[in-house]
PDB file of N, CA and C in Angstrom:
ATOM      1  N   MET A   1     -31.409  -1.526 -18.803  1.00  0.00           N
ATOM      2  CA  MET A   1     -30.806  -2.180 -18.043  1.00  0.00           C
ATOM      3  C   MET A   1     -29.706  -3.032 -17.955  1.00  0.00           C
ATOM      4  N   LYS A   2     -30.207  -4.140 -18.731  1.00  0.00           N
ATOM      5  CA  LYS A   2     -29.088  -4.854 -19.056  1.00  0.00           C
ATOM      6  C   LYS A   2     -27.925  -4.752 -19.252  1.00  0.00           C
ATOM      7  N   PHE A   3     -27.919  -3.991 -19.795  1.00  0.00           N
ATOM      8  CA  PHE A   3     -26.357  -3.626 -21.073  1.00  0.00           C
ATOM      9  C   PHE A   3     -25.620  -2.287 -19.974  1.00  0.00           C
ATOM     10  N   VAL A   4     -25.836  -1.783 -19.000  1.00  0.00           N
ATOM     11  CA  VAL A   4     -25.668  -1.236 -17.401  1.00  0.00           C
ATOM     12  C   VAL A   4     -24.988  -1.940 -16.785  1.00  0.00           C
ATOM     13  N   VAL A   5     -25.292  -3.559 -16.177  1.00  0.00           N
ATOM     14  CA  VAL A   5     -25.162  -3.928 -15.697  1.00  0.00           C
ATOM     15  C   VAL A   5     -23.899  -5.282 -16.393  1.00  0.00           C
ATOM     16  N   ALA A   6     -24.159  -5.534 -17.653  1.00  0.00           N
ATOM     17  CA  ALA A   6     -22.732  -5.989 -18.084  1.00  0.00           C
ATOM     18  C   ALA A   6     -21.932  -4.957 -18.527  1.00  0.00           C
ATOM     19  N   ILE A   7     -21.717  -3.654 -18.732  1.00  0.00           N
ATOM     20  CA  ILE A   7     -20.836  -2.831 -18.579  1.00  0.00           C
ATOM     21  C   ILE A   7     -20.711  -3.187 -17.512  1.00  0.00           C
ATOM     22  N   ALA A   8     -21.061  -2.207 -16.647  1.00  0.00           N
ATOM     23  CA  ALA A   8     -20.707  -2.353 -14.970  1.00  0.00           C
ATOM     24  C   ALA A   8     -19.657  -3.923 -14.724  1.00  0.00           C
ATOM     25  N   THR A   9     -20.155  -5.039 -15.261  1.00  0.00           N
ATOM     26  CA  THR A   9     -19.509  -6.247 -14.771  1.00  0.00           C
ATOM     27  C   THR A   9     -18.160  -5.884 -15.258  1.00  0.00           C
ATOM     28  N   VAL A  10     -17.943  -5.945 -16.213  1.00  0.00           N
ATOM     29  CA  VAL A  10     -16.875  -6.125 -17.554  1.00  0.00           C
ATOM     30  C   VAL A  10     -16.156  -5.091 -16.791  1.00  0.00           C
ATOM     31  N   LEU A  11     -16.709  -3.918 -16.446  1.00  0.00           N
ATOM     32  CA  LEU A  11     -15.143  -2.560 -15.899  1.00  0.00           C
ATOM     33  C   LEU A  11     -14.906  -3.202 -14.471  1.00  0.00           C
ATOM     34  N   VAL A  12     -15.172  -4.383 -13.648  1.00  0.00           N
ATOM     35  CA  VAL A  12     -14.980  -4.742 -12.365  1.00  0.00           C
ATOM     36  C   VAL A  12     -13.895  -5.598 -12.371  1.00  0.00           C
ATOM     37  N   GLY A  13     -14.533  -6.942 -13.996  1.00  0.00           N
ATOM     38  CA  GLY A  13     -13.462  -7.571 -14.081  1.00  0.00           C
ATOM     39  C   GLY A  13     -12.418  -6.965 -14.794  1.00  0.00           C
ATOM     40  N   PHE A  14     -12.432  -6.276 -15.642  1.00  0.00           N
ATOM     41  CA  PHE A  14     -11.152  -5.305 -15.618  1.00  0.00           C
ATOM     42  C   PHE A  14     -10.098  -5.075 -15.318  1.00  0.00           C
ATOM     43  N   ASN A  15     -10.354  -4.034 -14.345  1.00  0.00           N
ATOM     44  CA  ASN A  15     -10.022  -3.696 -12.801  1.00  0.00           C
ATOM     45  C   ASN A  15      -9.415  -4.742 -11.825  1.00  0.00           C
ATOM     46  N   ALA A  16     -10.333  -5.970 -12.109  1.00  0.00           N
ATOM     47  CA  ALA A  16      -9.289  -6.935 -11.563  1.00  0.00           C
ATOM     48  C   ALA A  16      -8.629  -7.738 -11.848  1.00  0.00           C
ATOM     49  N   LEU A  17      -8.239  -7.429 -13.213  1.00  0.00           N
ATOM     50  CA  LEU A  17      -6.862  -8.033 -13.993  1.00  0.00           C
ATOM     51  C   LEU A  17      -5.793  -7.180 -14.262  1.00  0.00           C
ATOM     52  N   ALA A  18      -6.334  -5.639 -13.858  1.00  0.00           N
ATOM     53  CA  ALA A  18      -5.546  -4.520 -14.544  1.00  0.00           C
ATOM     54  C   ALA A  18      -4.548  -4.278 -12.705  1.00  0.00           C
ATOM     55  N   SER A  19      -5.261  -4.971 -12.160  1.00  0.00           N
ATOM     56  CA  SER A  19      -4.498  -4.612 -10.643  1.00  0.00           C
ATOM     57  C   SER A  19      -2.986  -5.717  -9.877  1.00  0.00           C
ATOM     58  N   THR A  20      -2.424  -4.592  -9.420  1.00  0.00           N
ATOM     59  CA  THR A  20      -0.935  -5.242  -9.058  1.00  0.00           C
ATOM     60  C   THR A  20      -0.864  -5.934  -7.607  1.00  0.00           C
ATOM     61  N   GLU A  21       0.083  -6.897  -7.505  1.00  0.00           N
ATOM     62  CA  GLU A  21      -0.059  -7.278  -6.361  1.00  0.00           C
ATOM     63  C   GLU A  21       1.644  -7.421  -5.758  1.00  0.00           C
ATOM     64  N   VAL A  22       1.461  -6.020  -4.123  1.00  0.00           N
ATOM     65  CA  VAL A  22       2.064  -5.970  -3.523  1.00  0.00           C
ATOM     66  C   VAL A  22       3.084  -7.166  -3.107  1.00  0.00           C
ATOM     67  N   LEU A  23       4.053  -8.028  -3.422  1.00  0.00           N
ATOM     68  CA  LEU A  23       4.852  -8.849  -2.971  1.00  0.00           C
ATOM     69  C   LEU A  23       5.526  -9.029  -1.527  1.00  0.00           C
ATOM     70  N   LEU A  24       6.955  -8.028  -1.534  1.00  0.00           N
ATOM     71  CA  LEU A  24       7.544  -7.338  -0.813  1.00  0.00           C
ATOM     72  C   LEU A  24       7.436  -5.779  -0.621  1.00  0.00           C
ATOM     73  N   ASN A  25       7.303  -5.796   0.859  1.00  0.00           N
ATOM     74  CA  ASN A  25       7.321  -4.333   0.447  1.00  0.00           C
ATOM     75  C   ASN A  25       8.446  -3.177   2.310  1.00  0.00           C
ATOM     76  N   CYS A  26       9.573  -3.083   2.103  1.00  0.00           N
ATOM     77  CA  CYS A  26      10.335  -2.562   2.452  1.00  0.00           C
ATOM     78  C   CYS A  26       9.696  -0.698   3.020  1.00  0.00           C
ATOM     79  N   LYS A  27       9.731  -1.177   4.241  1.00  0.00           N
ATOM     80  CA  LYS A  27       9.462  -0.114   4.591  1.00  0.00           C
ATOM     81  C   LYS A  27      10.956   1.088   5.352  1.00  0.00           C
ATOM     82  N   HIS A  28      12.069   0.595   5.807  1.00  0.00           N
ATOM     83  CA  HIS A  28      12.661   1.271   5.714  1.00  0.00           C
ATOM     84  C   HIS A  28      13.801   0.536   5.224  1.00  0.00           C
ATOM     85  N   ILE A  29      15.010   0.740   4.051  1.00  0.00           N
ATOM     86  CA  ILE A  29      15.753   0.511   3.323  1.00  0.00           C
ATOM     87  C   ILE A  29      17.395   1.945   4.160  1.00  0.00           C
ATOM     88  N   ASP A  30      18.570   1.286   4.755  1.00  0.00           N
ATOM     89  CA  ASP A  30      19.228   1.412   5.561  1.00  0.00           C
ATOM     90  C   ASP A  30      20.745   2.403   4.088  1.00  0.00           C
ATOM     91  N   GLN A  31      19.950   3.168   3.245  1.00  0.00           N
ATOM     92  CA  GLN A  31      20.795   3.201   1.910  1.00  0.00           C
ATOM     93  C   GLN A  31      20.616   5.097   2.056  1.00  0.00           C
ATOM     94  N   ALA A  32      21.901   5.523   1.546  1.00  0.00           N
ATOM     95  CA  ALA A  32      21.453   7.019   1.582  1.00  0.00           C
ATOM     96  C   ALA A  32      21.045   7.524   0.323  1.00  0.00           C
ATOM     97  N   ASP A  33      20.541   7.150  -0.396  1.00  0.00           N
ATOM     98  CA  ASP A  33      19.519   7.247  -1.229  1.00  0.00           C
ATOM     99  C   ASP A  33      18.452   6.526  -2.058  1.00  0.00           C
ATOM    100  N   ILE A  34      17.975   5.395  -0.753  1.00  0.00           N
ATOM    101  CA  ILE A  34      16.705   4.529  -0.554  1.00  0.00           C
ATOM    102  C   ILE A  34      16.623   4.857   0.343  1.00  0.00           C
ATOM    103  N   SER A  35      14.835   4.938   0.601  1.00  0.00           N
ATOM    104  CA  SER A  35      14.632   4.709   2.067  1.00  0.00           C
ATOM    105  C   SER A  35      13.040   3.690   2.173  1.00  0.00           C
ATOM    106  N   THR A  36      13.112   3.715   1.263  1.00  0.00           N
ATOM    107  CA  THR A  36      11.937   1.710   0.646  1.00  0.00           C
ATOM    108  C   THR A  36      11.770   1.931  -0.198  1.00  0.00           C
ATOM    109  N   ALA A  37      11.523   0.338  -0.410  1.00  0.00           N
ATOM    110  CA  ALA A  37      11.498  -0.301  -2.119  1.00  0.00           C
ATOM    111  C   ALA A  37      10.101  -1.038  -1.773  1.00  0.00           C
ATOM    112  N   VAL A  38       9.227  -0.690  -2.788  1.00  0.00           N
ATOM    113  CA  VAL A  38       8.842  -2.541  -3.136  1.00  0.00           C
ATOM    114  C   VAL A  38       8.844  -3.378  -4.470  1.00  0.00           C
ATOM    115  N   VAL A  39       8.494  -4.554  -4.180  1.00  0.00           N
ATOM    116  CA  VAL A  39       8.182  -5.016  -5.036  1.00  0.00           C
ATOM    117  C   VAL A  39       6.767  -5.956  -5.483  1.00  0.00           C
ATOM    118  N   GLN A  40       6.701  -5.407  -6.442  1.00  0.00           N
ATOM    119  CA  GLN A  40       4.607  -5.782  -6.832  1.00  0.00           C
ATOM    120  C   GLN A  40       4.823  -6.722  -8.815  1.00  0.00           C
ATOM    121  N   THR A  41       3.392  -7.066  -8.687  1.00  0.00           N
ATOM    122  CA  THR A  41       3.593  -7.522  -9.939  1.00  0.00           C
ATOM    123  C   THR A  41       2.868  -6.078 -10.704  1.00  0.00           C
ATOM    124  N   TYR A  42       3.003  -6.453 -12.189  1.00  0.00           N
ATOM    125  CA  TYR A  42       2.985  -5.560 -13.097  1.00  0.00           C
ATOM    126  C   TYR A  42       1.754  -5.583 -13.507  1.00  0.00           C
ATOM    127  N   ALA A  43       0.595  -4.637 -13.637  1.00  0.00           N
ATOM    128  CA  ALA A  43      -0.704  -4.594 -14.485  1.00  0.00           C
ATOM    129  C   ALA A  43      -0.848  -5.044 -15.399  1.00  0.00           C
ATOM    130  N   ASP A  44       0.018  -5.141 -16.058  1.00  0.00           N
ATOM    131  CA  ASP A  44      -0.276  -5.148 -17.070  1.00  0.00           C
ATOM    132  C   ASP A  44      -0.080  -6.952 -17.338  1.00  0.00           C
ATOM    133  N   PRO A  45      -0.422  -7.954 -18.333  1.00  0.00           N
ATOM    134  CA  PRO A  45      -0.558  -9.365 -18.271  1.00  0.00           C
ATOM    135  C   PRO A  45       0.719  -9.533 -18.848  1.00  0.00           C
ATOM    136  N   ALA A  46       0.645  -8.653 -19.982  1.00  0.00           N
ATOM    137  CA  ALA A  46       2.220  -9.562 -20.805  1.00  0.00           C
ATOM    138  C   ALA A  46       3.362  -9.420 -20.376  1.00  0.00           C
ATOM    139  N   LYS A  47       3.525  -8.773 -19.373  1.00  0.00           N
ATOM    140  CA  LYS A  47       4.353  -8.396 -17.794  1.00  0.00           C
ATOM    141  C   LYS A  47       4.351  -9.571 -16.981  1.00  0.00           C
ATOM    142  N   LYS A  48       3.902 -11.029 -17.011  1.00  0.00           N
ATOM    143  CA  LYS A  48       3.366 -11.519 -16.367  1.00  0.00           C
ATOM    144  C   LYS A  48       5.074 -12.466 -15.604  1.00  0.00           C
ATOM    145  N   PHE A  49       6.325 -12.435 -16.175  1.00  0.00           N
ATOM    146  CA  PHE A  49       7.377 -12.973 -15.757  1.00  0.00           C
ATOM    147  C   PHE A  49       8.354 -11.933 -15.220  1.00  0.00           C
ATOM    148  N   SER A  50       7.921 -10.585 -15.041  1.00  0.00           N
ATOM    149  CA  SER A  50       8.376  -9.980 -14.169  1.00  0.00           C
ATOM    150  C   SER A  50       8.052  -8.906 -13.200  1.00  0.00           C
ATOM    151  N   LEU A  51       8.694  -8.635 -12.666  1.00  0.00           N
ATOM    152  CA  LEU A  51       8.267  -8.304 -11.460  1.00  0.00           C
ATOM    153  C   LEU A  51       8.334  -6.198 -11.409  1.00  0.00           C
ATOM    154  N   GLU A  52       7.792  -5.558 -10.527  1.00  0.00           N
ATOM    155  CA  GLU A  52       8.349  -4.116 -10.846  1.00  0.00           C
ATOM    156  C   GLU A  52       8.980  -3.715  -9.512  1.00  0.00           C
ATOM    157  N   LEU A  53      10.300  -3.261  -9.735  1.00  0.00           N
ATOM    158  CA  LEU A  53      10.807  -2.730  -7.866  1.00  0.00           C
ATOM    159  C   LEU A  53      10.707  -1.195  -8.158  1.00  0.00           C
ATOM    160  N   VAL A  54      10.384  -0.122  -7.349  1.00  0.00           N
ATOM    161  CA  VAL A  54       9.646   0.887  -7.186  1.00  0.00           C
ATOM    162  C   VAL A  54      10.701   1.285  -5.699  1.00  0.00           C
ATOM    163  N   LEU A  55      11.484   2.115  -6.035  1.00  0.00           N
ATOM    164  CA  LEU A  55      12.241   2.883  -5.253  1.00  0.00           C
ATOM    165  C   LEU A  55      12.087   3.557  -4.602  1.00  0.00           C
ATOM    166  N   THR A  56      11.711   3.806  -3.631  1.00  0.00           N
ATOM    167  CA  THR A  56      11.430   5.712  -3.081  1.00  0.00           C
ATOM    168  C   THR A  56      13.185   6.198  -2.413  1.00  0.00           C
ATOM    169  N   SER A  57      13.062   7.984  -2.943  1.00  0.00           N
ATOM    170  CA  SER A  57      14.457   8.340  -2.310  1.00  0.00           C
ATOM    171  C   SER A  57      13.992   8.453  -0.859  1.00  0.00           C
ATOM    172  N   PRO A  58      14.645   9.336  -0.098  1.00  0.00           N
ATOM    173  CA  PRO A  58      14.573  10.141   1.091  1.00  0.00           C
ATOM    174  C   PRO A  58      13.960  11.663   0.764  1.00  0.00           C
ATOM    175  N   ALA A  59      14.231  11.940  -0.467  1.00  0.00           N
ATOM    176  CA  ALA A  59      14.074  13.098  -1.510  1.00  0.00           C
ATOM    177  C   ALA A  59      11.954  13.074  -1.783  1.00  0.00           C
ATOM    178  N   GLY A  60      11.727  11.321  -1.593  1.00  0.00           N
ATOM    179  CA  GLY A  60       9.846  11.518  -1.745  1.00  0.00           C
ATOM    180  C   GLY A  60      10.354  11.352  -3.375  1.00  0.00           C
ATOM    181  N   GLU A  61      11.445  10.620  -4.589  1.00  0.00           N
ATOM    182  CA  GLU A  61      11.470  10.729  -5.857  1.00  0.00           C
ATOM    183  C   GLU A  61      11.460   9.153  -5.777  1.00  0.00           C
ATOM    184  N   THR A  62      10.490   9.039  -6.806  1.00  0.00           N
ATOM    185  CA  THR A  62      10.616   6.928  -7.108  1.00  0.00           C
ATOM    186  C   THR A  62      11.304   6.842  -8.663  1.00  0.00           C
ATOM    187  N   GLN A  63      11.441   5.584  -8.069  1.00  0.00           N
ATOM    188  CA  GLN A  63      12.706   4.754  -9.170  1.00  0.00           C
ATOM    189  C   GLN A  63      11.472   3.631  -9.835  1.00  0.00           C
ATOM    190  N   SER A  64      11.413   3.442 -11.117  1.00  0.00           N
ATOM    191  CA  SER A  64      10.525   2.132 -10.831  1.00  0.00           C
ATOM    192  C   SER A  64      11.616   1.349 -12.175  1.00  0.00           C
ATOM    193  N   ILE A  65      12.183  -0.130 -11.800  1.00  0.00           N
ATOM    194  CA  ILE A  65      12.725  -0.888 -12.547  1.00  0.00           C
ATOM    195  C   ILE A  65      12.444  -2.413 -12.810  1.00  0.00           C
ATOM    196  N   GLU A  66      12.331  -2.664 -13.833  1.00  0.00           N
ATOM    197  CA  GLU A  66      11.734  -4.086 -14.293  1.00  0.00           C
ATOM    198  C   GLU A  66      12.668  -5.130 -13.638  1.00  0.00           C
ATOM    199  N   ILE A  67      12.088  -6.321 -13.175  1.00  0.00           N
ATOM    200  CA  ILE A  67      13.725  -6.653 -12.405  1.00  0.00           C
ATOM    201  C   ILE A  67      12.194  -8.584 -12.730  1.00  0.00           C
ATOM    202  N   ASP A  68      13.019  -9.585 -12.943  1.00  0.00           N
ATOM    203  CA  ASP A  68      13.091 -10.593 -13.436  1.00  0.00           C
ATOM    204  C   ASP A  68      12.107 -11.554 -12.123  1.00  0.00           C
ATOM    205  N   SER A  69      10.815 -12.401 -12.591  1.00  0.00           N
ATOM    206  CA  SER A  69      10.443 -12.489 -11.318  1.00  0.00           C
ATOM    207  C   SER A  69      11.470 -13.691 -10.684  1.00  0.00           C
ATOM    208  N   GLU A  70      12.338 -14.531 -11.153  1.00  0.00           N
ATOM    209  CA  GLU A  70      13.456 -15.901 -10.540  1.00  0.00           C
ATOM    210  C   GLU A  70      13.908 -14.689 -10.019  1.00  0.00           C
ATOM    211  N   ASP A  71      14.888 -13.884 -10.001  1.00  0.00           N
ATOM    212  CA  ASP A  71      15.661 -12.910  -9.283  1.00  0.00           C
ATOM    213  C   ASP A  71      14.778 -12.863  -7.680  1.00  0.00           C
ATOM    214  N   TYR A  72      13.494 -12.876  -7.935  1.00  0.00           N
ATOM    215  CA  TYR A  72      12.872 -12.405  -6.558  1.00  0.00           C
ATOM    216  C   TYR A  72      12.827 -13.665  -5.795  1.00  0.00           C
ATOM    217  N   THR A  73      12.174 -14.159  -6.346  1.00  0.00           N
ATOM    218  CA  THR A  73      12.287 -16.176  -5.785  1.00  0.00           C
ATOM    219  C   THR A  73      13.351 -16.207  -5.301  1.00  0.00           C
ATOM    220  N   GLU A  74      14.303 -15.835  -6.179  1.00  0.00           N
ATOM    221  CA  GLU A  74      15.114 -16.636  -4.808  1.00  0.00           C
ATOM    222  C   GLU A  74      16.281 -15.680  -4.355  1.00  0.00           C
ATOM    223  N   GLY A  75      15.319 -14.972  -4.200  1.00  0.00           N
ATOM    224  CA  GLY A  75      16.013 -13.545  -3.034  1.00  0.00           C
ATOM    225  C   GLY A  75      17.648 -12.787  -2.838  1.00  0.00           C
ATOM    226  N   TRP A  76      17.518 -12.219  -4.837  1.00  0.00           N
ATOM    227  CA  TRP A  76      18.844 -11.708  -4.983  1.00  0.00           C
ATOM    228  C   TRP A  76      18.462 -11.064  -6.236  1.00  0.00           C
ATOM    229  N   ILE A  77      17.974  -9.926  -5.579  1.00  0.00           N
ATOM    230  CA  ILE A  77      17.298  -8.612  -6.051  1.00  0.00           C
ATOM    231  C   ILE A  77      18.219  -7.359  -6.240  1.00  0.00           C
ATOM    232  N   ALA A  78      19.251  -6.989  -7.736  1.00  0.00           N
ATOM    233  CA  ALA A  78      19.907  -6.075  -7.722  1.00  0.00           C
ATOM    234  C   ALA A  78      19.202  -4.657  -7.984  1.00  0.00           C
ATOM    235  N   LEU A  79      20.207  -4.021  -7.180  1.00  0.00           N
ATOM    236  CA  LEU A  79      19.732  -2.319  -6.949  1.00  0.00           C
ATOM    237  C   LEU A  79      20.887  -1.807  -7.753  1.00  0.00           C
ATOM    238  N   PRO A  80      20.215  -0.548  -7.847  1.00  0.00           N
ATOM    239  CA  PRO A  80      20.988   0.678  -9.004  1.00  0.00           C
ATOM    240  C   PRO A  80      22.522   0.683  -8.290  1.00  0.00           C
ATOM    241  N   ALA A  81      23.811   1.193  -8.727  1.00  0.00           N
ATOM    242  CA  ALA A  81      24.874   1.210  -8.260  1.00  0.00           C
ATOM    243  C   ALA A  81      24.951   2.376  -7.916  1.00  0.00           C
ATOM    244  N   GLU A  82      25.361   2.815  -6.392  1.00  0.00           N
ATOM    245  CA  GLU A  82      25.444   3.927  -5.849  1.00  0.00           C
ATOM    246  C   GLU A  82      26.657   3.791  -6.146  1.00  0.00           C
ATOM    247  N   ASP A  83      28.095   5.067  -6.663  1.00  0.00           N
ATOM    248  CA  ASP A  83      28.597   5.816  -7.491  1.00  0.00           C
ATOM    249  C   ASP A  83      29.753   4.183  -7.611  1.00  0.00           C
ATOM    250  N   THR A  84      30.800   3.745  -7.057  1.00  0.00           N
ATOM    251  CA  THR A  84      30.906   2.538  -7.169  1.00  0.00           C
ATOM    252  C   THR A  84      30.524   0.509  -6.881  1.00  0.00           C
ATOM    253  N   ALA A  85      29.994   1.343  -5.872  1.00  0.00           N
ATOM    254  CA  ALA A  85      29.518  -0.421  -4.785  1.00  0.00           C
ATOM    255  C   ALA A  85      28.127  -1.177  -5.926  1.00  0.00           C
ATOM    256  N   GLU A  86      28.881  -2.272  -5.698  1.00  0.00           N
ATOM    257  CA  GLU A  86      27.270  -3.061  -6.497  1.00  0.00           C
ATOM    258  C   GLU A  86      26.339  -3.652  -4.860  1.00  0.00           C
ATOM    259  N   ARG A  87      25.238  -3.363  -5.052  1.00  0.00           N
ATOM    260  CA  ARG A  87      24.352  -3.841  -3.830  1.00  0.00           C
ATOM    261  C   ARG A  87      23.357  -4.309  -4.522  1.00  0.00           C
ATOM    262  N   TYR A  88      23.067  -5.079  -3.625  1.00  0.00           N
ATOM    263  CA  TYR A  88      21.453  -6.950  -3.823  1.00  0.00           C
ATOM    264  C   TYR A  88      20.859  -5.849  -2.480  1.00  0.00           C
ATOM    265  N   LEU A  89      19.382  -6.307  -2.855  1.00  0.00           N
ATOM    266  CA  LEU A  89      18.841  -6.867  -1.467  1.00  0.00           C
ATOM    267  C   LEU A  89      18.836  -8.312  -1.303  1.00  0.00           C
ATOM    268  N   THR A  90      18.964  -8.675  -0.257  1.00  0.00           N
ATOM    269  CA  THR A  90      18.667 -10.251  -0.329  1.00  0.00           C
ATOM    270  C   THR A  90      17.742 -10.900   0.852  1.00  0.00           C
ATOM    271  N   ARG A  91      17.112 -12.095   0.385  1.00  0.00           N
ATOM    272  CA  ARG A  91      16.409 -12.751   1.190  1.00  0.00           C
ATOM    273  C   ARG A  91      17.541 -13.828   2.280  1.00  0.00           C
ATOM    274  N   GLN A  92      17.433 -13.367   3.302  1.00  0.00           N
ATOM    275  CA  GLN A  92      17.876 -14.243   5.390  1.00  0.00           C
ATOM    276  C   GLN A  92      17.196 -15.174   5.403  1.00  0.00           C
ATOM    277  N   GLU A  93      17.547 -15.700   6.892  1.00  0.00           N
ATOM    278  CA  GLU A  93      16.354 -16.815   7.163  1.00  0.00           C
ATOM    279  C   GLU A  93      15.807 -15.703   8.120  1.00  0.00           C
ATOM    280  N   GLY A  94      16.393 -14.645   9.116  1.00  0.00           N
ATOM    281  CA  GLY A  94      15.162 -13.650  10.048  1.00  0.00           C
ATOM    282  C   GLY A  94      14.902 -12.091   8.998  1.00  0.00           C
ATOM    283  N   GLY A  95      14.657 -12.457   7.311  1.00  0.00           N
ATOM    284  CA  GLY A  95      14.706 -11.891   6.521  1.00  0.00           C
ATOM    285  C   GLY A  95      15.328 -10.889   5.487  1.00  0.00           C
ATOM    286  N   TRP A  96      14.797  -9.619   4.963  1.00  0.00           N
ATOM    287  CA  TRP A  96      15.826  -8.973   4.223  1.00  0.00           C
ATOM    288  C   TRP A  96      17.208  -8.303   5.008  1.00  0.00           C
ATOM    289  N   GLU A  97      17.887  -7.800   3.834  1.00  0.00           N
ATOM    290  CA  GLU A  97      18.441  -6.879   4.032  1.00  0.00           C
ATOM    291  C   GLU A  97      19.778  -6.456   2.941  1.00  0.00           C
ATOM    292  N   ILE A  98      20.486  -5.555   2.764  1.00  0.00           N
ATOM    293  CA  ILE A  98      21.370  -5.175   1.588  1.00  0.00           C
ATOM    294  C   ILE A  98      22.686  -4.911   2.177  1.00  0.00           C
ATOM    295  N   PHE A  99      23.181  -6.640   0.875  1.00  0.00           N
ATOM    296  CA  PHE A  99      24.645  -6.853   0.362  1.00  0.00           C
ATOM    297  C   PHE A  99      24.895  -5.307  -0.313  1.00  0.00           C
ATOM    298  N   GLY A 100      26.501  -5.273  -0.394  1.00  0.00           N
ATOM    299  CA  GLY A 100      26.973  -4.865  -1.058  1.00  0.00           C
ATOM    300  C   GLY A 100      28.247  -4.637  -0.702  1.00  0.00           C
ATOM    301  N   THR A 101      29.309  -4.303  -2.304  1.00  0.00           N
ATOM    302  CA  THR A 101      30.611  -4.427  -2.233  1.00  0.00           C
ATOM    303  C   THR A 101      31.197  -2.894  -2.440  1.00  0.00           C
ATOM    304  N   ILE A 102      32.267  -2.929  -2.329  1.00  0.00           N
ATOM    305  CA  ILE A 102      32.977  -1.672  -3.145  1.00  0.00           C
ATOM    306  C   ILE A 102      34.631  -1.960  -3.251  1.00  0.00           C
ATOM    307  N   GLY A 103      34.722  -2.079  -4.536  1.00  0.00           N
ATOM    308  CA  GLY A 103      36.067  -2.870  -4.748  1.00  0.00           C
ATOM    309  C   GLY A 103      36.197  -4.547  -4.298  1.00  0.00           C
ATOM    310  N   GLN A 104      36.730  -4.835  -3.064  1.00  0.00           N
ATOM    311  CA  GLN A 104      37.566  -5.859  -2.729  1.00  0.00           C
ATOM    312  C   GLN A 104      36.556  -5.752  -1.207  1.00  0.00           C
ATOM    313  N   ALA A 105      35.773  -5.051  -0.714  1.00  0.00           N
ATOM    314  CA  ALA A 105      34.951  -4.948   0.276  1.00  0.00           C
ATOM    315  C   ALA A 105      33.962  -4.642   0.904  1.00  0.00           C
ATOM    316  N   THR A 106      33.209  -6.150   1.324  1.00  0.00           N
ATOM    317  CA  THR A 106      31.580  -6.354   1.624  1.00  0.00           C
ATOM    318  C   THR A 106      31.033  -5.553   2.708  1.00  0.00           C
ATOM    319  N   TYR A 107      29.895  -4.525   2.425  1.00  0.00           N
ATOM    320  CA  TYR A 107      29.112  -4.890   3.451  1.00  0.00           C
ATOM    321  C   TYR A 107      27.546  -5.292   3.787  1.00  0.00           C
ATOM    322  N   PHE A 108      27.656  -5.028   4.788  1.00  0.00           N
ATOM    323  CA  PHE A 108      25.578  -4.909   4.885  1.00  0.00           C
ATOM    324  C   PHE A 108      25.000  -4.099   5.548  1.00  0.00           C
ATOM    325  N   ALA A 109      23.238  -3.734   5.162  1.00  0.00           N
ATOM    326  CA  ALA A 109      23.004  -2.558   5.509  1.00  0.00           C
ATOM    327  C   ALA A 109      21.573  -3.220   5.946  1.00  0.00           C
ATOM    328  N   THR A 110      20.848  -2.694   7.039  1.00  0.00           N
ATOM    329  CA  THR A 110      19.608  -3.232   7.380  1.00  0.00           C
ATOM    330  C   THR A 110      18.419  -2.831   6.077  1.00  0.00           C
ATOM    331  N   ALA A 111      17.408  -3.680   6.452  1.00  0.00           N
ATOM    332  CA  ALA A 111      15.814  -3.540   5.284  1.00  0.00           C
ATOM    333  C   ALA A 111      15.280  -4.129   6.089  1.00  0.00           C
ATOM    334  N   THR A 112      14.112  -3.249   6.275  1.00  0.00           N
ATOM    335  CA  THR A 112      12.910  -3.639   7.182  1.00  0.00           C
ATOM    336  C   THR A 112      11.671  -4.134   6.099  1.00  0.00           C
ATOM    337  N   CYS A 113      10.856  -5.529   6.184  1.00  0.00           N
ATOM    338  CA  CYS A 113      10.701  -5.403   4.580  1.00  0.00           C
ATOM    339  C   CYS A 113       9.481  -6.421   5.538  1.00  0.00           C
ATOM    340  N   GLU A 114       8.429  -6.483   4.798  1.00  0.00           N
ATOM    341  CA  GLU A 114       7.424  -7.486   4.919  1.00  0.00           C
ATOM    342  C   GLU A 114       7.590  -8.468   3.773  1.00  0.00           C
ATOM    343  N   GLU A 115       7.073  -9.406   3.849  1.00  0.00           N
ATOM    344  CA  GLU A 115       7.049 -10.174   2.512  1.00  0.00           C
ATOM    345  C   GLU A 115       5.880 -11.054   2.672  1.00  0.00           C
ATOM    346  N   LYS A 116       5.109 -10.912   1.356  1.00  0.00           N
ATOM    347  CA  LYS A 116       3.495 -11.262   0.828  1.00  0.00           C
ATOM    348  C   LYS A 116       4.170 -13.312   1.828  1.00  0.00           C
ATOM    349  N   ALA A 117       2.652 -13.347   2.130  1.00  0.00           N
ATOM    350  CA  ALA A 117       2.834 -15.218   2.956  1.00  0.00           C
ATOM    351  C   ALA A 117       2.439 -15.843   1.498  1.00  0.00           C
ATOM    352  N   GLU A 118       2.454 -16.587   1.122  1.00  0.00           N
ATOM    353  CA  GLU A 118       2.923 -17.571   0.217  1.00  0.00           C
ATOM    354  C   GLU A 118       1.384 -18.882   0.555  1.00  0.00           C
TER     355      GLU A 118
END
């Protein structure tokens, strides 16, 4: 009986270590190829200085990108380039938004996000 309890305790402890934590949940991204974005910690302790950016397209396809935790802390997350545009998910006073450049032109787009309170 003690063995079963010990195994259960170890499994619960391991499961707690292997869980991810959502830091930023963007339920709406105003981009043709991205509908949602989530920034979360990795379950793997070896990646403790990296975060995972999970993007979902309007068709439901997901893409996982490793980002530096410092980029998230600074509020400047690079998104995959669409055509020739460079674009970033940026933290502003009122929340998050998309900032992009196409050649010499810059644009801004809406991002409806909820950030985990510190």
